Amino acid sequence: MASSLLSLTPKLCIAPRTISNPRRLFTSHAAALPSPPSLGVGRGCLALGRSRSMVARSSAVAVANARDSRPIVVIDNYDSFTYNLCQYLGELGVHFEVYRNDELTVEDIKRHVNPFYLIFHCSNRLINPRGILISPGPGAPQDSGISLQAVLELGPSMPLFGVCMGLQCIGEAFGGKIVRAPSGVMHGKSSLVYYDETLEDSLFYGLPNPFTACRYHSLVIENDSFPSDALEIMAWTEDGLVMAARHKKHKHIQGVQFHPESIMTPEGKTMVPWSDGYEAGPRPMAYQHMWNHSTFHFPDKCIMIVLIP
């Protein structure tokens, strides 16, 4: 395991990091809403009819993201879907760096979000993660390397988004149990997903309700042990399985059970937290706007630490 994020080279090669040829999005249709899972969370009056144009998002979002050179740190749980998620980030103009779940430590990442110093790499790039994305993966959360620890220790200080097993990591980290899905293995199957329109700053704001999503999983967060003291349900299936949840206090800790990067999830690209240009959660580098890192030039293999009083 590496001791420093600066010295690591991602093993998953995704080139280029800004990918053109964005997928064409499709549309789905609204239907009557079933009740949310009976957990005492995510409840409220759900109203249809609220909508927002999806067309206005794409170009403006790419421009906004291109101006922010801070990378999303993608924790790859050894899953091929990681590539598709990174392709979405690239299409949105988001910078990202991919690391296997056993390639670095949470401490490596923490060192680069400390507000009392700035670290410059020999490539003239300011290392200051913009957020964390926990990818899908085989197995259970216990097989996800640093993912569980990342949820608990990094989530409160920066946006964290989990997909499939990434959501399960969020659920387990805050006390939920991960169990076999009552509906059995869902491998490349589409389902209608319903969401609570009363929640503010929802990933699904303006989408059809329900929307169609692609599922590849056999495990879910158990309804009976859902940690409703810490998390709230954002979306569910018709049979009451949790499809999305977020932290009640740190709402930027959120995840989805389905695969937004699949072509079978038509509006998937709009569900990525960085897709509408907002930054949920605290900005760990309070002084980052004062520095234009492109003006700094250092010798090869040089690290400079600037202390901020």
C-alpha atoms as a PDB file:
ATOM      1  CA  MET A   1       0.000   0.000   0.000  1.00  0.00           C
ATOM      2  CA  ALA A   2       1.368   3.361  -0.913  1.00  0.00           C
ATOM      3  CA  SER A   3       2.196   5.932   1.690  1.00  0.00           C
ATOM      4  CA  SER A   4       1.433   9.045  -0.282  1.00  0.00           C
ATOM      5  CA  LEU A   5      -1.227  10.048  -2.744  1.00  0.00           C
ATOM      6  CA  LEU A   6       1.297  12.172  -4.608  1.00  0.00           C
ATOM      7  CA  SER A   7       3.490   9.202  -5.483  1.00  0.00           C
ATOM      8  CA  LEU A   8       0.704   7.021  -6.809  1.00  0.00           C
ATOM      9  CA  THR A   9      -0.156   6.337 -10.391  1.00  0.00           C
ATOM     10  CA  PRO A  10      -3.677   4.980 -10.887  1.00  0.00           C
ATOM     11  CA  LYS A  11      -3.654   1.368 -12.064  1.00  0.00           C
ATOM     12  CA  LEU A  12      -6.893   1.765 -13.939  1.00  0.00           C
ATOM     13  CA  CYS A  13      -5.898   3.662 -17.045  1.00  0.00           C
ATOM     14  CA  ILE A  14      -8.701   5.793 -18.408  1.00  0.00           C
ATOM     15  CA  ALA A  15      -7.596   8.041 -21.209  1.00  0.00           C
ATOM     16  CA  PRO A  16      -8.312  10.728 -21.937  1.00  0.00           C
ATOM     17  CA  ARG A  17      -9.650  11.989 -18.620  1.00  0.00           C
ATOM     18  CA  THR A  18     -11.961  14.349 -20.391  1.00  0.00           C
ATOM     19  CA  ILE A  19     -13.974  12.174 -22.751  1.00  0.00           C
ATOM     20  CA  SER A  20     -15.995  13.507 -25.655  1.00  0.00           C
ATOM     21  CA  ASN A  21     -19.014  12.026 -27.433  1.00  0.00           C
ATOM     22  CA  PRO A  22     -21.538  12.258 -24.583  1.00  0.00           C
ATOM     23  CA  ARG A  23     -24.317   9.723 -24.509  1.00  0.00           C
ATOM     24  CA  ARG A  24     -27.679  10.762 -25.772  1.00  0.00           C
ATOM     25  CA  LEU A  25     -30.243  10.823 -22.997  1.00  0.00           C
ATOM     26  CA  PHE A  26     -33.677   9.298 -23.368  1.00  0.00           C
ATOM     27  CA  THR A  27     -36.888  10.073 -21.529  1.00  0.00           C
ATOM     28  CA  SER A  28     -39.202   8.109 -19.293  1.00  0.00           C
ATOM     29  CA  HIS A  29     -42.755   8.677 -18.204  1.00  0.00           C
ATOM     30  CA  ALA A  30     -44.373   9.410 -14.871  1.00  0.00           C
ATOM     31  CA  ALA A  31     -46.662   6.960 -13.126  1.00  0.00           C
ATOM     32  CA  ALA A  32     -48.543   6.683  -9.848  1.00  0.00           C
ATOM     33  CA  LEU A  33     -46.285   6.548  -6.806  1.00  0.00           C
ATOM     34  CA  PRO A  34     -46.283   3.634  -4.378  1.00  0.00           C
ATOM     35  CA  SER A  35     -45.559   4.318  -0.723  1.00  0.00           C
ATOM     36  CA  PRO A  36     -41.941   4.543   0.414  1.00  0.00           C
ATOM     37  CA  PRO A  37     -40.482   1.705   2.517  1.00  0.00           C
ATOM     38  CA  SER A  38     -42.111   1.604   5.946  1.00  0.00           C
ATOM     39  CA  LEU A  39     -39.041   2.632   7.898  1.00  0.00           C
ATOM     40  CA  GLY A  40     -40.121   5.948   9.324  1.00  0.00           C
ATOM     41  CA  VAL A  41     -37.799   7.784   6.926  1.00  0.00           C
ATOM     42  CA  GLY A  42     -38.229   9.414   3.598  1.00  0.00           C
ATOM     43  CA  ARG A  43     -41.906  10.008   4.285  1.00  0.00           C
ATOM     44  CA  GLY A  44     -44.024  12.952   3.351  1.00  0.00           C
ATOM     45  CA  CYS A  45     -46.495  14.057   0.762  1.00  0.00           C
ATOM     46  CA  LEU A  46     -45.150  13.179  -2.677  1.00  0.00           C
ATOM     47  CA  ALA A  47     -46.363  15.402  -5.466  1.00  0.00           C
ATOM     48  CA  LEU A  48     -46.041  14.860  -9.194  1.00  0.00           C
ATOM     49  CA  GLY A  49     -45.857  17.536 -11.808  1.00  0.00           C
ATOM     50  CA  ARG A  50     -42.696  19.392 -10.803  1.00  0.00           C
ATOM     51  CA  SER A  51     -40.259  19.429 -13.672  1.00  0.00           C
ATOM     52  CA  ARG A  52     -37.180  21.230 -14.928  1.00  0.00           C
ATOM     53  CA  SER A  53     -35.586  21.313 -18.346  1.00  0.00           C
ATOM     54  CA  MET A  54     -32.757  18.810 -18.683  1.00  0.00           C
ATOM     55  CA  VAL A  55     -31.388  20.491 -21.786  1.00  0.00           C
ATOM     56  CA  ALA A  56     -30.080  23.518 -19.901  1.00  0.00           C
ATOM     57  CA  ARG A  57     -27.822  21.392 -17.716  1.00  0.00           C
ATOM     58  CA  SER A  58     -25.313  19.831 -20.092  1.00  0.00           C
ATOM     59  CA  SER A  59     -23.304  22.663 -21.665  1.00  0.00           C
ATOM     60  CA  ALA A  60     -23.314  24.974 -18.644  1.00  0.00           C
ATOM     61  CA  VAL A  61     -22.283  22.110 -16.364  1.00  0.00           C
ATOM     62  CA  ALA A  62     -19.311  21.139 -18.516  1.00  0.00           C
ATOM     63  CA  VAL A  63     -18.056  24.730 -18.498  1.00  0.00           C
ATOM     64  CA  ALA A  64     -18.455  25.063 -14.724  1.00  0.00           C
ATOM     65  CA  ASN A  65     -16.646  21.789 -14.064  1.00  0.00           C
ATOM     66  CA  ALA A  66     -13.838  22.589 -16.491  1.00  0.00           C
ATOM     67  CA  ARG A  67     -13.004  25.668 -14.414  1.00  0.00           C
ATOM     68  CA  ASP A  68     -12.473  23.539 -11.311  1.00  0.00           C
ATOM     69  CA  SER A  69      -9.254  21.570 -11.618  1.00  0.00           C
ATOM     70  CA  ARG A  70      -9.655  19.813  -8.279  1.00  0.00           C
ATOM     71  CA  PRO A  71     -10.036  16.077  -8.945  1.00  0.00           C
ATOM     72  CA  ILE A  72     -12.708  13.681  -7.817  1.00  0.00           C
ATOM     73  CA  VAL A  73     -10.928  10.767  -6.144  1.00  0.00           C
ATOM     74  CA  VAL A  74     -12.548   7.613  -7.513  1.00  0.00           C
ATOM     75  CA  ILE A  75     -12.149   4.564  -5.270  1.00  0.00           C
ATOM     76  CA  ASP A  76     -12.264   1.633  -7.665  1.00  0.00           C
ATOM     77  CA  ASN A  77     -13.595  -1.547  -6.086  1.00  0.00           C
ATOM     78  CA  TYR A  78     -12.175  -3.658  -8.896  1.00  0.00           C
ATOM     79  CA  ASP A  79     -15.262  -3.306 -11.057  1.00  0.00           C
ATOM     80  CA  SER A  80     -15.578  -2.743 -14.798  1.00  0.00           C
ATOM     81  CA  PHE A  81     -18.403  -0.248 -14.233  1.00  0.00           C
ATOM     82  CA  THR A  82     -15.831   2.162 -12.819  1.00  0.00           C
ATOM     83  CA  TYR A  83     -14.818   3.008 -16.384  1.00  0.00           C
ATOM     84  CA  ASN A  84     -18.382   3.988 -17.295  1.00  0.00           C
ATOM     85  CA  LEU A  85     -18.702   6.203 -14.227  1.00  0.00           C
ATOM     86  CA  CYS A  86     -15.443   7.927 -15.097  1.00  0.00           C
ATOM     87  CA  GLN A  87     -16.650   8.387 -18.651  1.00  0.00           C
ATOM     88  CA  TYR A  88     -19.645  10.268 -17.271  1.00  0.00           C
ATOM     89  CA  LEU A  89     -17.363  12.453 -15.169  1.00  0.00           C
ATOM     90  CA  GLY A  90     -15.255  13.158 -18.221  1.00  0.00           C
ATOM     91  CA  GLU A  91     -18.270  14.078 -20.313  1.00  0.00           C
ATOM     92  CA  LEU A  92     -19.284  16.519 -17.589  1.00  0.00           C
ATOM     93  CA  GLY A  93     -15.848  18.144 -17.674  1.00  0.00           C
ATOM     94  CA  VAL A  94     -14.941  16.816 -14.229  1.00  0.00           C
ATOM     95  CA  HIS A  95     -11.297  16.060 -13.436  1.00  0.00           C
ATOM     96  CA  PHE A  96     -10.776  12.746 -11.655  1.00  0.00           C
ATOM     97  CA  GLU A  97      -8.125  10.352 -10.404  1.00  0.00           C
ATOM     98  CA  VAL A  98      -8.759   6.612 -10.062  1.00  0.00           C
ATOM     99  CA  TYR A  99      -7.209   4.456  -7.338  1.00  0.00           C
ATOM    100  CA  ARG A 100      -7.830   0.827  -6.432  1.00  0.00           C
ATOM    101  CA  ASN A 101      -9.424   0.378  -3.013  1.00  0.00           C
ATOM    102  CA  ASP A 102      -6.176  -1.056  -1.615  1.00  0.00           C
ATOM    103  CA  GLU A 103      -3.787   1.322  -3.363  1.00  0.00           C
ATOM    104  CA  LEU A 104      -3.871   4.198  -0.892  1.00  0.00           C
ATOM    105  CA  THR A 105      -5.079   4.937   2.603  1.00  0.00           C
ATOM    106  CA  VAL A 106      -7.650   7.353   3.929  1.00  0.00           C
ATOM    107  CA  GLU A 107      -4.768   9.129   5.641  1.00  0.00           C
ATOM    108  CA  ASP A 108      -3.173   9.682   2.227  1.00  0.00           C
ATOM    109  CA  ILE A 109      -6.287  11.532   1.113  1.00  0.00           C
ATOM    110  CA  LYS A 110      -6.704  13.416   4.388  1.00  0.00           C
ATOM    111  CA  ARG A 111      -3.269  14.927   4.032  1.00  0.00           C
ATOM    112  CA  HIS A 112      -4.409  16.744   0.928  1.00  0.00           C
ATOM    113  CA  VAL A 113      -7.544  18.359   2.336  1.00  0.00           C
ATOM    114  CA  ASN A 114      -5.954  19.927   5.410  1.00  0.00           C
ATOM    115  CA  PRO A 115      -6.849  23.665   5.313  1.00  0.00           C
ATOM    116  CA  PHE A 116      -3.522  24.667   6.896  1.00  0.00           C
ATOM    117  CA  TYR A 117      -1.261  23.757   4.033  1.00  0.00           C
ATOM    118  CA  LEU A 118      -1.167  23.510   0.267  1.00  0.00           C
ATOM    119  CA  ILE A 119       0.715  20.769  -1.513  1.00  0.00           C
ATOM    120  CA  PHE A 120       1.972  21.184  -5.049  1.00  0.00           C
ATOM    121  CA  HIS A 121       2.983  18.245  -7.183  1.00  0.00           C
ATOM    122  CA  CYS A 122       5.807  18.272  -9.713  1.00  0.00           C
ATOM    123  CA  SER A 123       3.181  18.331 -12.475  1.00  0.00           C
ATOM    124  CA  ASN A 124       2.205  21.860 -11.345  1.00  0.00           C
ATOM    125  CA  ARG A 125      -1.152  20.600 -10.115  1.00  0.00           C
ATOM    126  CA  LEU A 126      -2.774  21.641  -6.873  1.00  0.00           C
ATOM    127  CA  ILE A 127      -3.751  18.453  -5.056  1.00  0.00           C
ATOM    128  CA  ASN A 128      -7.044  19.178  -3.332  1.00  0.00           C
ATOM    129  CA  PRO A 129      -9.752  16.527  -3.830  1.00  0.00           C
ATOM    130  CA  ARG A 130     -13.126  17.919  -4.784  1.00  0.00           C
ATOM    131  CA  GLY A 131     -14.987  14.837  -3.614  1.00  0.00           C
ATOM    132  CA  ILE A 132     -15.021  11.052  -3.353  1.00  0.00           C
ATOM    133  CA  LEU A 133     -16.789   8.564  -5.612  1.00  0.00           C
ATOM    134  CA  ILE A 134     -17.057   4.971  -4.353  1.00  0.00           C
ATOM    135  CA  SER A 135     -17.548   2.622  -7.273  1.00  0.00           C
ATOM    136  CA  PRO A 136     -19.563  -0.580  -7.574  1.00  0.00           C
ATOM    137  CA  GLY A 137     -17.760  -3.829  -6.937  1.00  0.00           C
ATOM    138  CA  PRO A 138     -18.116  -7.562  -6.398  1.00  0.00           C
ATOM    139  CA  GLY A 139     -18.832  -8.958  -2.971  1.00  0.00           C
ATOM    140  CA  ALA A 140     -19.959  -7.042   0.100  1.00  0.00           C
ATOM    141  CA  PRO A 141     -18.811  -3.801   1.767  1.00  0.00           C
ATOM    142  CA  GLN A 142     -16.267  -5.771   3.807  1.00  0.00           C
ATOM    143  CA  ASP A 143     -14.513  -6.481   0.505  1.00  0.00           C
ATOM    144  CA  SER A 144     -14.288  -2.805  -0.447  1.00  0.00           C
ATOM    145  CA  GLY A 145     -10.868  -1.878   0.941  1.00  0.00           C
ATOM    146  CA  ILE A 146     -10.847   1.671   2.311  1.00  0.00           C
ATOM    147  CA  SER A 147     -14.416   2.430   1.208  1.00  0.00           C
ATOM    148  CA  LEU A 148     -16.105   1.997   4.601  1.00  0.00           C
ATOM    149  CA  GLN A 149     -13.457   4.066   6.346  1.00  0.00           C
ATOM    150  CA  ALA A 150     -13.704   6.711   3.638  1.00  0.00           C
ATOM    151  CA  VAL A 151     -17.439   7.082   4.256  1.00  0.00           C
ATOM    152  CA  LEU A 152     -16.975   7.699   7.973  1.00  0.00           C
ATOM    153  CA  GLU A 153     -13.793   9.768   7.943  1.00  0.00           C
ATOM    154  CA  LEU A 154     -13.946  11.665   4.656  1.00  0.00           C
ATOM    155  CA  GLY A 155     -17.688  11.946   4.086  1.00  0.00           C
ATOM    156  CA  PRO A 156     -18.369  14.652   6.690  1.00  0.00           C
ATOM    157  CA  SER A 157     -15.780  16.979   5.129  1.00  0.00           C
ATOM    158  CA  MET A 158     -16.394  16.587   1.386  1.00  0.00           C
ATOM    159  CA  PRO A 159     -19.036  15.374  -1.091  1.00  0.00           C
ATOM    160  CA  LEU A 160     -19.116  11.569  -1.218  1.00  0.00           C
ATOM    161  CA  PHE A 161     -21.166   9.581  -3.706  1.00  0.00           C
ATOM    162  CA  GLY A 162     -21.558   5.797  -3.704  1.00  0.00           C
ATOM    163  CA  VAL A 163     -22.870   3.617  -6.523  1.00  0.00           C
ATOM    164  CA  CYS A 164     -24.285   0.124  -5.960  1.00  0.00           C
ATOM    165  CA  MET A 165     -21.866  -1.341  -3.406  1.00  0.00           C
ATOM    166  CA  GLY A 166     -20.945   2.273  -2.697  1.00  0.00           C
ATOM    167  CA  LEU A 167     -24.447   2.821  -1.290  1.00  0.00           C
ATOM    168  CA  GLN A 168     -24.161  -0.411   0.675  1.00  0.00           C
ATOM    169  CA  CYS A 169     -20.928   0.908   2.187  1.00  0.00           C
ATOM    170  CA  ILE A 170     -22.784   4.032   3.310  1.00  0.00           C
ATOM    171  CA  GLY A 171     -25.572   1.920   4.802  1.00  0.00           C
ATOM    172  CA  GLU A 172     -23.228  -0.410   6.659  1.00  0.00           C
ATOM    173  CA  ALA A 173     -20.929   2.371   7.837  1.00  0.00           C
ATOM    174  CA  PHE A 174     -23.819   3.978   9.716  1.00  0.00           C
ATOM    175  CA  GLY A 175     -25.190   0.772  11.242  1.00  0.00           C
ATOM    176  CA  GLY A 176     -27.348  -0.905   8.606  1.00  0.00           C
ATOM    177  CA  LYS A 177     -27.155  -4.557   7.603  1.00  0.00           C
ATOM    178  CA  ILE A 178     -26.472  -5.683   4.057  1.00  0.00           C
ATOM    179  CA  VAL A 179     -28.577  -8.691   3.073  1.00  0.00           C
ATOM    180  CA  ARG A 180     -29.611 -10.676   0.031  1.00  0.00           C
ATOM    181  CA  ALA A 181     -32.215  -8.850  -2.011  1.00  0.00           C
ATOM    182  CA  PRO A 182     -35.655 -10.460  -1.559  1.00  0.00           C
ATOM    183  CA  SER A 183     -36.208 -10.123  -5.296  1.00  0.00           C
ATOM    184  CA  GLY A 184     -33.083 -12.143  -6.038  1.00  0.00           C
ATOM    185  CA  VAL A 185     -30.192 -11.291  -8.317  1.00  0.00           C
ATOM    186  CA  MET A 186     -30.775  -8.280 -10.544  1.00  0.00           C
ATOM    187  CA  HIS A 187     -28.325  -8.508 -13.411  1.00  0.00           C
ATOM    188  CA  GLY A 188     -28.842  -5.873 -16.050  1.00  0.00           C
ATOM    189  CA  LYS A 189     -32.546  -5.514 -15.321  1.00  0.00           C
ATOM    190  CA  SER A 190     -34.445  -2.240 -15.382  1.00  0.00           C
ATOM    191  CA  SER A 191     -36.873  -1.143 -12.685  1.00  0.00           C
ATOM    192  CA  LEU A 192     -39.062   1.837 -11.976  1.00  0.00           C
ATOM    193  CA  VAL A 193     -37.595   3.909  -9.166  1.00  0.00           C
ATOM    194  CA  TYR A 194     -39.719   6.314  -7.135  1.00  0.00           C
ATOM    195  CA  TYR A 195     -38.300   9.239  -5.200  1.00  0.00           C
ATOM    196  CA  ASP A 196     -39.395  11.660  -2.499  1.00  0.00           C
ATOM    197  CA  GLU A 197     -39.955  15.006  -4.194  1.00  0.00           C
ATOM    198  CA  THR A 198     -40.242  16.796  -0.853  1.00  0.00           C
ATOM    199  CA  LEU A 199     -36.537  16.396  -0.077  1.00  0.00           C
ATOM    200  CA  GLU A 200     -34.455  19.493  -0.738  1.00  0.00           C
ATOM    201  CA  ASP A 201     -31.340  19.310  -2.934  1.00  0.00           C
ATOM    202  CA  SER A 202     -32.270  15.870  -4.181  1.00  0.00           C
ATOM    203  CA  LEU A 203     -30.221  14.096  -6.839  1.00  0.00           C
ATOM    204  CA  PHE A 204     -33.473  13.460  -8.672  1.00  0.00           C
ATOM    205  CA  TYR A 205     -34.972  16.933  -8.716  1.00  0.00           C
ATOM    206  CA  GLY A 206     -36.871  17.537 -11.933  1.00  0.00           C
ATOM    207  CA  LEU A 207     -36.742  13.935 -13.144  1.00  0.00           C
ATOM    208  CA  PRO A 208     -39.823  11.914 -14.106  1.00  0.00           C
ATOM    209  CA  ASN A 209     -41.287  10.200 -11.073  1.00  0.00           C
ATOM    210  CA  PRO A 210     -40.846   7.292 -11.340  1.00  0.00           C
ATOM    211  CA  PHE A 211     -37.806   7.023 -13.579  1.00  0.00           C
ATOM    212  CA  THR A 212     -36.244   3.930 -15.119  1.00  0.00           C
ATOM    213  CA  ALA A 213     -32.958   2.639 -13.701  1.00  0.00           C
ATOM    214  CA  CYS A 214     -30.677  -0.296 -14.398  1.00  0.00           C
ATOM    215  CA  ARG A 215     -29.842  -2.668 -11.549  1.00  0.00           C
ATOM    216  CA  TYR A 216     -26.865  -5.014 -11.174  1.00  0.00           C
ATOM    217  CA  HIS A 217     -26.905  -6.317  -7.619  1.00  0.00           C
ATOM    218  CA  SER A 218     -27.863  -9.156  -5.319  1.00  0.00           C
ATOM    219  CA  LEU A 219     -27.451  -7.304  -2.007  1.00  0.00           C
ATOM    220  CA  VAL A 220     -29.395  -4.402  -0.493  1.00  0.00           C
ATOM    221  CA  ILE A 221     -29.573  -2.404   2.709  1.00  0.00           C
ATOM    222  CA  GLU A 222     -31.993  -4.333   4.912  1.00  0.00           C
ATOM    223  CA  ASN A 223     -35.216  -2.439   5.562  1.00  0.00           C
ATOM    224  CA  ASP A 224     -35.566  -3.622   9.164  1.00  0.00           C
ATOM    225  CA  SER A 225     -32.084  -2.466  10.146  1.00  0.00           C
ATOM    226  CA  PHE A 226     -31.990   0.685   8.034  1.00  0.00           C
ATOM    227  CA  PRO A 227     -30.156   3.289  10.180  1.00  0.00           C
ATOM    228  CA  SER A 228     -32.944   5.859  10.140  1.00  0.00           C
ATOM    229  CA  ASP A 229     -31.279   7.843  12.923  1.00  0.00           C
ATOM    230  CA  ALA A 230     -28.432   8.716  10.555  1.00  0.00           C
ATOM    231  CA  LEU A 231     -29.729   8.229   7.009  1.00  0.00           C
ATOM    232  CA  GLU A 232     -32.851   9.119   5.071  1.00  0.00           C
ATOM    233  CA  ILE A 233     -34.318   7.298   2.102  1.00  0.00           C
ATOM    234  CA  MET A 234     -34.367   9.232  -1.144  1.00  0.00           C
ATOM    235  CA  ALA A 235     -35.689   6.607  -3.568  1.00  0.00           C
ATOM    236  CA  TRP A 236     -37.147   3.094  -3.612  1.00  0.00           C
ATOM    237  CA  THR A 237     -38.618   0.436  -5.850  1.00  0.00           C
ATOM    238  CA  GLU A 238     -42.251  -0.561  -6.092  1.00  0.00           C
ATOM    239  CA  ASP A 239     -41.593  -3.483  -3.745  1.00  0.00           C
ATOM    240  CA  GLY A 240     -39.989  -1.188  -1.169  1.00  0.00           C
ATOM    241  CA  LEU A 241     -36.251  -1.792  -1.634  1.00  0.00           C
ATOM    242  CA  VAL A 242     -33.978   1.149  -0.863  1.00  0.00           C
ATOM    243  CA  MET A 243     -32.563   2.565  -4.103  1.00  0.00           C
ATOM    244  CA  ALA A 244     -30.998   5.780  -2.803  1.00  0.00           C
ATOM    245  CA  ALA A 245     -30.173   7.278   0.576  1.00  0.00           C
ATOM    246  CA  ARG A 246     -28.226  10.142   2.087  1.00  0.00           C
ATOM    247  CA  HIS A 247     -26.998  11.259   5.480  1.00  0.00           C
ATOM    248  CA  LYS A 248     -29.474  13.389   7.415  1.00  0.00           C
ATOM    249  CA  LYS A 249     -26.887  15.865   8.683  1.00  0.00           C
ATOM    250  CA  HIS A 250     -24.191  15.596   6.014  1.00  0.00           C
ATOM    251  CA  LYS A 251     -26.493  15.479   3.022  1.00  0.00           C
ATOM    252  CA  HIS A 252     -23.545  15.395   0.637  1.00  0.00           C
ATOM    253  CA  ILE A 253     -22.942  11.785   1.749  1.00  0.00           C
ATOM    254  CA  GLN A 254     -25.293   9.989  -0.608  1.00  0.00           C
ATOM    255  CA  GLY A 255     -25.541   6.990  -2.855  1.00  0.00           C
ATOM    256  CA  VAL A 256     -27.680   4.986  -5.249  1.00  0.00           C
ATOM    257  CA  GLN A 257     -28.189   1.231  -5.505  1.00  0.00           C
ATOM    258  CA  PHE A 258     -28.809   1.254  -9.246  1.00  0.00           C
ATOM    259  CA  HIS A 259     -26.317   2.165 -11.975  1.00  0.00           C
ATOM    260  CA  PRO A 260     -26.684   5.752 -13.246  1.00  0.00           C
ATOM    261  CA  GLU A 261     -23.869   5.137 -15.740  1.00  0.00           C
ATOM    262  CA  SER A 262     -25.834   2.446 -17.589  1.00  0.00           C
ATOM    263  CA  ILE A 263     -27.523   3.285 -20.879  1.00  0.00           C
ATOM    264  CA  MET A 264     -30.572   1.592 -19.323  1.00  0.00           C
ATOM    265  CA  THR A 265     -30.782   4.508 -16.862  1.00  0.00           C
ATOM    266  CA  PRO A 266     -31.809   7.233 -19.342  1.00  0.00           C
ATOM    267  CA  GLU A 267     -31.412  10.210 -16.985  1.00  0.00           C
ATOM    268  CA  GLY A 268     -28.380   8.746 -15.241  1.00  0.00           C
ATOM    269  CA  LYS A 269     -25.943  11.484 -16.140  1.00  0.00           C
ATOM    270  CA  THR A 270     -28.065  14.103 -14.383  1.00  0.00           C
ATOM    271  CA  MET A 271     -27.924  12.099 -11.134  1.00  0.00           C
ATOM    272  CA  VAL A 272     -24.172  12.371 -10.650  1.00  0.00           C
ATOM    273  CA  PRO A 273     -23.715  14.908  -7.813  1.00  0.00           C
ATOM    274  CA  TRP A 274     -21.342  17.035  -9.876  1.00  0.00           C
ATOM    275  CA  SER A 275     -23.707  17.145 -12.852  1.00  0.00           C
ATOM    276  CA  ASP A 276     -25.441  20.428 -12.069  1.00  0.00           C
ATOM    277  CA  GLY A 277     -22.413  22.422 -11.010  1.00  0.00           C
ATOM    278  CA  TYR A 278     -23.194  22.611  -7.308  1.00  0.00           C
ATOM    279  CA  GLU A 279     -20.817  21.685  -4.547  1.00  0.00           C
ATOM    280  CA  ALA A 280     -22.623  20.023  -1.675  1.00  0.00           C
ATOM    281  CA  GLY A 281     -20.927  20.066   1.670  1.00  0.00           C
ATOM    282  CA  PRO A 282     -18.000  22.006   3.089  1.00  0.00           C
ATOM    283  CA  ARG A 283     -15.073  23.138   0.946  1.00  0.00           C
ATOM    284  CA  PRO A 284     -12.057  21.611   2.695  1.00  0.00           C
ATOM    285  CA  MET A 285      -9.571  24.077   1.190  1.00  0.00           C
ATOM    286  CA  ALA A 286     -10.787  27.428   2.434  1.00  0.00           C
ATOM    287  CA  TYR A 287      -8.056  29.349   0.673  1.00  0.00           C
ATOM    288  CA  GLN A 288      -7.988  27.497  -2.631  1.00  0.00           C
ATOM    289  CA  HIS A 289      -9.555  30.390  -4.552  1.00  0.00           C
ATOM    290  CA  MET A 290      -6.545  32.595  -3.724  1.00  0.00           C
ATOM    291  CA  TRP A 291      -4.157  30.473  -5.742  1.00  0.00           C
ATOM    292  CA  ASN A 292      -3.761  30.034  -9.476  1.00  0.00           C
ATOM    293  CA  HIS A 293      -1.716  26.843  -9.470  1.00  0.00           C
ATOM    294  CA  SER A 294      -0.888  27.143 -13.171  1.00  0.00           C
ATOM    295  CA  THR A 295       1.535  29.963 -12.346  1.00  0.00           C
ATOM    296  CA  PHE A 296       3.737  27.760 -10.170  1.00  0.00           C
ATOM    297  CA  HIS A 297       6.649  25.819 -11.663  1.00  0.00           C
ATOM    298  CA  PHE A 298       8.711  23.363  -9.681  1.00  0.00           C
ATOM    299  CA  PRO A 299      11.566  21.040 -10.607  1.00  0.00           C
ATOM    300  CA  ASP A 300      10.748  17.426 -11.338  1.00  0.00           C
ATOM    301  CA  LYS A 301      10.118  15.267  -8.247  1.00  0.00           C
ATOM    302  CA  CYS A 302       9.706  18.321  -6.063  1.00  0.00           C
ATOM    303  CA  ILE A 303       7.125  18.797  -3.324  1.00  0.00           C
ATOM    304  CA  MET A 304       6.510  22.193  -1.782  1.00  0.00           C
ATOM    305  CA  ILE A 305       4.540  22.831   1.383  1.00  0.00           C
ATOM    306  CA  VAL A 306       3.150  26.309   1.994  1.00  0.00           C
ATOM    307  CA  LEU A 307       1.981  26.934   5.527  1.00  0.00           C
ATOM    308  CA  ILE A 308      -0.993  29.235   5.995  1.00  0.00           C
ATOM    309  CA  PRO A 309      -0.997  31.008   9.381  1.00  0.00           C
END
